[in-house]
Protein backbone atom coordinates (compact mmCIF):
# COMPACT_ATOMS: atom_id res chain seq x y z
CA MET A 1 10.00 6.54 36.99
CA GLN A 2 9.58 10.06 38.04
CA LEU A 3 6.01 11.88 38.52
CA THR A 4 6.29 13.72 35.32
CA ASP A 5 7.07 10.51 32.97
CA LEU A 6 3.98 8.86 35.32
CA LEU A 7 2.11 11.66 34.36
CA LEU A 8 2.89 11.49 30.90
CA THR A 9 2.35 8.13 30.56
CA LEU A 10 -1.24 8.41 31.95
CA VAL A 11 -1.86 11.05 29.20
CA GLU A 12 -0.66 8.95 26.71
CA VAL A 13 -3.06 5.86 27.68
CA LEU A 14 -6.20 8.16 27.92
CA PHE A 15 -5.25 9.75 24.42
CA ILE A 16 -4.73 6.44 22.70
CA LEU A 17 -8.19 4.98 24.65
CA LEU A 18 -9.87 8.24 23.25
CA LEU A 19 -8.75 8.13 20.10
CA SER A 20 -8.88 4.34 18.89
CA PRO A 21 -12.72 4.51 18.23
CA LEU A 22 -12.73 8.04 16.73
CA LEU A 23 -10.04 6.30 14.02
CA THR A 24 -12.22 3.24 13.42
CA GLY A 25 -14.99 5.64 12.54
CA VAL A 26 -12.59 7.87 9.83
CA ILE A 27 -12.35 4.72 8.09
CA ARG A 28 -15.16 3.72 7.78
CA LYS A 29 -16.56 7.06 6.85
CA VAL A 30 -13.55 7.41 3.96
CA LYS A 31 -14.53 4.15 2.80
CA SER A 32 -18.25 5.39 2.45
CA TRP A 33 -17.24 8.06 0.62
CA MET A 34 -14.79 6.28 -1.42
CA GLN A 35 -18.65 4.16 -2.41
CA CYS A 36 -20.28 7.29 -2.91
CA ARG A 37 -22.40 7.09 0.48
CA GLN A 38 -23.03 9.23 3.02
CA GLY A 39 -21.65 6.62 5.49
CA PRO A 40 -22.32 6.59 9.71
CA SER A 41 -20.71 9.34 11.34
CA VAL A 42 -17.12 9.21 12.50
CA LEU A 43 -18.89 8.91 16.49
CA GLN A 44 -20.65 5.91 15.77
CA PRO A 45 -17.79 3.66 17.28
CA TYR A 46 -18.41 5.50 20.26
CA ARG A 47 -22.04 5.03 19.97
CA ASP A 48 -21.81 1.38 19.63
CA LEU A 49 -19.67 0.66 22.63
CA TRP A 50 -21.63 2.72 24.63
CA LYS A 51 -24.80 0.99 23.97
CA LEU A 52 -22.87 -2.30 24.30
CA LEU A 53 -22.12 -1.20 27.69
CA ARG A 54 -25.84 -0.97 28.80
CA LYS A 55 -26.56 -4.30 27.59
CA SER A 56 -26.46 -7.32 29.51
CA THR A 57 -23.94 -10.53 29.04
CA VAL A 58 -25.36 -13.63 27.61
CA ALA A 59 -23.02 -16.65 27.67
CA SER A 60 -23.23 -19.82 25.94
CA LYS A 61 -23.82 -22.83 28.67
CA GLU A 62 -20.68 -24.44 27.19
CA ALA A 63 -18.07 -21.61 27.71
CA SER A 64 -16.33 -21.63 31.14
CA TRP A 65 -15.41 -18.65 33.73
CA LEU A 66 -12.57 -17.90 30.81
CA PHE A 67 -15.08 -16.85 28.41
CA LEU A 68 -16.05 -13.85 30.72
CA VAL A 69 -12.50 -12.88 31.70
CA ILE A 70 -10.68 -12.99 28.22
CA PRO A 71 -11.94 -9.82 26.82
CA TYR A 72 -10.65 -7.89 29.95
CA VAL A 73 -7.12 -9.49 29.36
CA CYS A 74 -7.22 -8.50 25.98
CA LEU A 75 -8.16 -4.57 26.84
CA GLY A 76 -5.36 -5.03 29.66
CA ALA A 77 -2.43 -6.19 27.29
CA MET A 78 -3.33 -3.43 24.79
CA VAL A 79 -3.36 -0.92 28.07
CA CYS A 80 0.23 -2.12 28.42
CA LEU A 81 1.28 -1.68 24.54
CA ALA A 82 0.38 1.94 25.12
CA VAL A 83 2.47 2.38 28.23
CA MET A 84 5.24 0.48 26.27
CA VAL A 85 5.29 2.25 23.00
CA PRO A 86 6.34 5.98 22.40
CA VAL A 87 3.21 7.90 21.19
CA PHE A 88 3.59 11.73 21.11
CA THR A 89 7.04 11.77 23.53
CA THR A 90 10.14 9.00 23.98
CA GLY A 91 10.50 9.90 28.17
CA PRO A 92 8.17 7.74 29.59
CA SER A 93 8.50 4.37 27.91
CA GLY A 94 12.21 4.65 27.44
CA GLY A 95 13.50 1.16 29.07
CA VAL A 96 10.38 -0.79 29.19
CA GLY A 97 9.18 -0.85 25.63
CA ASP A 98 11.71 -3.51 24.46
CA MET A 99 11.18 -4.94 21.31
CA VAL A 100 10.88 -8.51 22.10
CA ALA A 101 8.22 -7.64 24.86
CA VAL A 102 6.11 -5.81 22.67
CA ILE A 103 5.91 -8.87 20.25
CA TYR A 104 4.54 -11.03 23.22
CA VAL A 105 1.97 -8.65 24.41
CA LEU A 106 0.73 -8.59 20.92
CA GLY A 107 0.71 -12.51 20.77
CA LEU A 108 -0.76 -12.90 24.47
CA PHE A 109 -3.92 -10.80 22.87
CA ARG A 110 -3.95 -13.00 20.37
CA PHE A 111 -3.72 -16.23 22.09
CA MET A 112 -6.64 -14.78 24.44
CA MET A 113 -8.82 -14.10 21.14
CA VAL A 114 -8.07 -17.26 19.89
CA LEU A 115 -9.26 -19.02 23.12
CA GLY A 116 -12.24 -16.70 23.23
CA GLY A 117 -13.36 -17.83 19.84
CA LEU A 118 -12.67 -21.68 21.08
CA GLU A 119 -14.28 -20.75 24.54
CA GLY A 120 -17.86 -19.97 23.08
CA GLY A 121 -18.03 -23.62 21.48
CA SER A 122 -19.16 -22.50 17.90
CA SER A 123 -17.88 -23.99 14.97
CA PHE A 124 -17.60 -20.54 13.40
CA GLY A 125 -15.87 -19.47 16.52
CA GLY A 126 -13.21 -22.28 15.83
CA MET A 127 -13.00 -21.66 12.16
CA GLY A 128 -12.31 -18.04 13.08
CA SER A 129 -9.64 -19.18 15.64
CA SER A 130 -7.91 -21.57 13.39
CA ARG A 131 -7.73 -18.67 10.54
CA GLU A 132 -6.22 -16.28 12.78
CA MET A 133 -3.62 -18.90 14.02
CA MET A 134 -2.54 -19.61 10.00
CA ILE A 135 -2.28 -15.82 9.11
CA SER A 136 0.03 -15.06 12.89
CA ALA A 137 2.25 -17.85 11.87
CA ILE A 138 3.72 -15.88 9.59
CA VAL A 139 3.29 -12.25 10.69
CA GLU A 140 5.34 -12.51 13.90
CA PRO A 141 8.11 -13.33 12.45
CA THR A 142 7.68 -10.35 9.87
CA LEU A 143 7.19 -7.91 12.58
CA LEU A 144 10.27 -9.47 14.64
CA LEU A 145 12.53 -8.93 11.28
CA SER A 146 10.98 -5.68 10.50
CA ILE A 147 11.74 -3.79 14.15
CA PHE A 148 14.80 -5.67 14.20
CA SER A 149 16.16 -4.26 10.83
CA VAL A 150 15.85 -0.74 12.69
CA ALA A 151 17.33 -1.92 16.19
CA ALA A 152 20.38 -2.95 14.01
CA ILE A 153 20.31 0.82 12.76
CA SER A 154 20.22 1.98 16.16
CA GLY A 155 22.01 0.04 17.78
CA THR A 156 18.81 -1.26 20.91
CA THR A 157 15.87 -2.76 21.00
CA ASP A 158 14.16 -0.32 22.73
CA LEU A 159 11.66 1.43 21.10
CA SER A 160 11.62 4.59 22.57
CA ALA A 161 15.55 4.50 22.02
CA ILE A 162 14.98 4.08 18.53
CA SER A 163 12.19 6.75 17.83
CA ASP A 164 15.07 8.82 19.80
CA HIS A 165 17.66 7.80 17.39
CA PHE A 166 15.79 8.14 14.28
CA ALA A 167 14.28 11.92 15.69
CA GLY A 168 17.76 13.17 16.09
CA LEU A 169 19.14 11.73 12.27
CA GLY A 170 16.13 14.05 10.90
CA LEU A 171 15.82 12.97 6.94
CA ASN A 172 19.77 11.62 6.99
CA GLY A 173 17.80 8.81 8.83
CA LEU A 174 15.66 7.56 5.74
CA SER A 175 16.98 4.43 4.11
CA PRO A 176 15.76 1.42 1.59
CA THR A 177 15.96 -0.48 5.14
CA LEU A 178 13.61 1.75 6.91
CA PHE A 179 10.90 1.69 3.46
CA LEU A 180 11.15 -2.22 2.89
CA ALA A 181 10.41 -2.42 6.64
CA SER A 182 7.65 -0.35 6.89
CA ALA A 183 6.22 -1.83 3.80
CA ALA A 184 6.24 -4.74 5.84
CA ILE A 185 5.14 -3.15 8.93
CA PHE A 186 1.56 -2.04 6.90
CA ILE A 187 0.96 -5.18 5.95
CA SER A 188 1.28 -6.95 8.93
CA LEU A 189 -0.94 -4.29 10.55
CA MET A 190 -3.46 -5.13 7.65
CA ALA A 191 -3.65 -8.86 8.67
CA GLU A 192 -3.42 -8.29 12.30
CA ASN A 193 -6.32 -6.57 12.50
CA SER A 194 -8.06 -8.47 10.07
CA ARG A 195 -8.75 -5.67 7.40
CA VAL A 196 -9.11 -6.07 3.43
CA PRO A 197 -7.93 -8.08 1.51
CA PHE A 198 -7.33 -10.46 5.01
CA ASP A 199 -10.49 -10.20 6.11
CA ASN A 200 -13.77 -7.88 6.15
CA PRO A 201 -14.58 -6.21 9.47
CA ALA A 202 -18.11 -5.17 8.03
CA THR A 203 -19.36 -8.61 7.11
CA HIS A 204 -20.76 -11.06 9.24
CA LEU A 205 -20.60 -14.03 6.35
CA GLU A 206 -19.69 -17.18 8.73
CA LEU A 207 -17.81 -18.94 5.90
CA THR A 208 -15.28 -15.89 5.40
CA MET A 209 -15.22 -14.36 9.03
CA VAL A 210 -11.63 -14.14 10.65
CA HIS A 211 -11.77 -11.49 13.97
CA GLU A 212 -15.66 -11.47 13.78
CA GLY A 213 -15.98 -15.18 13.89
CA MET A 214 -14.19 -15.09 17.43
CA LEU A 215 -16.53 -12.28 18.39
CA LEU A 216 -19.97 -14.47 17.32
CA GLU A 217 -20.35 -15.63 20.77
CA TYR A 218 -19.43 -12.15 23.04
CA SER A 219 -22.31 -9.87 23.84
CA GLY A 220 -23.04 -6.87 26.10
CA ARG A 221 -20.20 -5.52 28.06
CA GLU A 222 -17.96 -7.98 27.18
CA LEU A 223 -18.27 -7.82 23.74
CA ALA A 224 -17.74 -3.54 23.90
CA MET A 225 -14.38 -4.70 25.76
CA MET A 226 -12.97 -6.81 22.77
CA GLU A 227 -14.16 -4.25 20.34
CA MET A 228 -12.32 -1.48 22.40
CA ALA A 229 -9.68 -3.99 22.59
CA SER A 230 -9.55 -4.48 18.49
CA TYR A 231 -9.56 -0.56 18.15
CA VAL A 232 -6.59 0.17 20.15
CA ARG A 233 -4.90 -2.82 18.46
CA LEU A 234 -5.56 -1.31 15.26
CA THR A 235 -4.31 2.19 16.70
CA MET A 236 -1.02 0.88 18.10
CA PHE A 237 0.46 -0.52 15.19
CA MET A 238 -0.41 2.81 13.54
CA VAL A 239 1.58 4.28 16.28
CA ILE A 240 4.37 1.83 15.82
CA LEU A 241 4.35 2.60 12.31
CA SER A 242 4.25 6.28 12.83
CA ASN A 243 6.97 6.59 15.79
CA VAL A 244 9.16 3.54 15.54
CA PHE A 245 10.03 3.91 11.48
CA PHE A 246 9.26 7.51 11.08
CA PRO A 247 9.67 9.38 14.13
CA TRP A 248 9.86 12.74 12.81
CA GLY A 249 7.91 15.42 15.09
CA ILE A 250 7.92 13.07 18.28
CA ALA A 251 8.38 15.08 21.43
CA LEU A 252 12.40 14.46 22.84
CA GLY A 253 12.04 16.52 26.20
CA THR A 254 9.09 17.43 28.43
CA GLY A 255 8.74 20.89 27.74
CA ALA A 256 5.25 22.35 26.67
CA GLY A 257 5.90 23.57 22.89
CA GLU A 258 7.79 20.22 22.45
CA LEU A 259 4.88 17.84 23.92
CA ALA A 260 2.32 19.97 21.56
CA VAL A 261 4.34 19.52 18.49
CA GLY A 262 4.21 15.79 19.47
CA VAL A 263 0.53 15.60 19.96
CA GLY A 264 0.20 17.38 16.72
CA SER A 265 2.66 15.09 14.64
CA ILE A 266 1.20 11.66 16.12
CA ALA A 267 -2.94 12.98 15.48
CA LEU A 268 -1.80 13.72 11.91
CA LYS A 269 0.16 10.75 11.16
CA LEU A 270 -2.88 8.44 12.62
CA LEU A 271 -5.32 10.44 10.45
CA ALA A 272 -2.97 10.11 7.24
CA LEU A 273 -2.63 6.11 7.94
CA SER A 274 -6.24 5.80 8.61
CA VAL A 275 -6.90 7.36 5.08
CA SER A 276 -4.20 4.69 3.74
CA VAL A 277 -6.19 1.85 5.22
CA ALA A 278 -9.49 3.36 3.94
CA LEU A 279 -7.88 3.47 0.49
CA VAL A 280 -6.39 0.23 0.07
CA GLU A 281 -9.37 -1.63 1.30
CA SER A 282 -11.56 0.14 -1.36
CA VAL A 283 -9.35 -0.47 -4.34
CA MET A 284 -8.59 -3.90 -2.77
CA ALA A 285 -11.24 -6.98 -2.86
CA LYS A 286 -10.90 -9.59 0.06
CA MET A 287 -8.81 -12.75 -0.91
CA ARG A 288 -9.23 -16.13 -1.18
CA LEU A 289 -8.05 -18.04 2.14
CA PHE A 290 -5.38 -20.02 0.48
CA ARG A 291 -4.48 -16.86 -1.34
CA LEU A 292 -3.41 -14.84 1.92
CA PRO A 293 0.01 -16.72 3.11
CA ASN A 294 1.29 -15.38 -0.95
CA LEU A 295 0.90 -11.79 0.67
CA LEU A 296 2.21 -12.68 3.85
CA THR A 297 5.08 -14.45 2.63
CA ILE A 298 5.53 -10.94 0.57
CA SER A 299 5.31 -8.87 3.78
CA PHE A 300 7.94 -11.32 5.03
CA THR A 301 10.66 -11.07 2.42
CA LEU A 302 9.84 -7.30 2.73
CA SER A 303 11.08 -7.41 6.38
CA LEU A 304 14.12 -10.05 5.22
CA LEU A 305 15.21 -7.97 2.51
CA ALA A 306 15.38 -4.73 5.05
CA VAL A 307 17.68 -6.84 7.28
CA MET A 308 19.82 -7.87 4.47
CA SER A 309 20.33 -4.49 3.13
CA TYR A 310 21.35 -2.83 6.28
CA TYR A 311 24.16 -5.31 6.39
CA ILE A 312 24.81 -4.80 2.66
CA LEU A 313 24.77 -1.06 2.63
């Protein structure tokens, strides 16, 4: 990797880490407006993280040393994902952002989150972990099929090459396959990040929690790491949806003008997706746990139709 690519990769990772809490703040703010409330500032997630970082850690006596290591592994996995996925340029991540490797990194994050929920030794952590595994059993094949559909069109499984291919085609790259796969990815985004209707991230009602149930035993710096990792995961799903399926505006070179357009493009896309997530959460209610597979099956069917439409059309 050249020095220029290394610097661009570092800038992209810092961009994701700095922007992720802001996007969560935007989602909360838009939901507050939809409910006719003033709501917290969009900067509140930064304040929450700073407050948690200054607090000490309290660990369950039932937890092993893994309990304290897991938050750093989760955040490290998301940093690796930020390196692998093209953010505002296709150059630096080329050759390292393979589709299968990205799915495995997401799987590592999920496995460590589930393990952290079990390590605490609480019953609610076990409930959240089991629900997370139930959801992920259907979401992971959907992710693979959705990205495979665009990989089939571009002839490669490298995410940067896929972005480069569709960005080069322009509007001629639009097809039913692209829209079906992106719809499936959007549903997967809501499921993987425990958003409504799959889970309500604003509640602490133990009997309905999925994501929050796995974090109940964490506190202090470790809780800050887990929260930050969750913010980054949500952002990375938005980046994948933006730059793999609709990469128009992404920088294809390293010129200052192209990079400026790329940064502006991804910022606008992430803002639009954040507002979309907030709107979906505002107009839908949380579904019952045993009805969730029905919605996840719809997303899997959409991804399967995306693959079939490519070979038929």
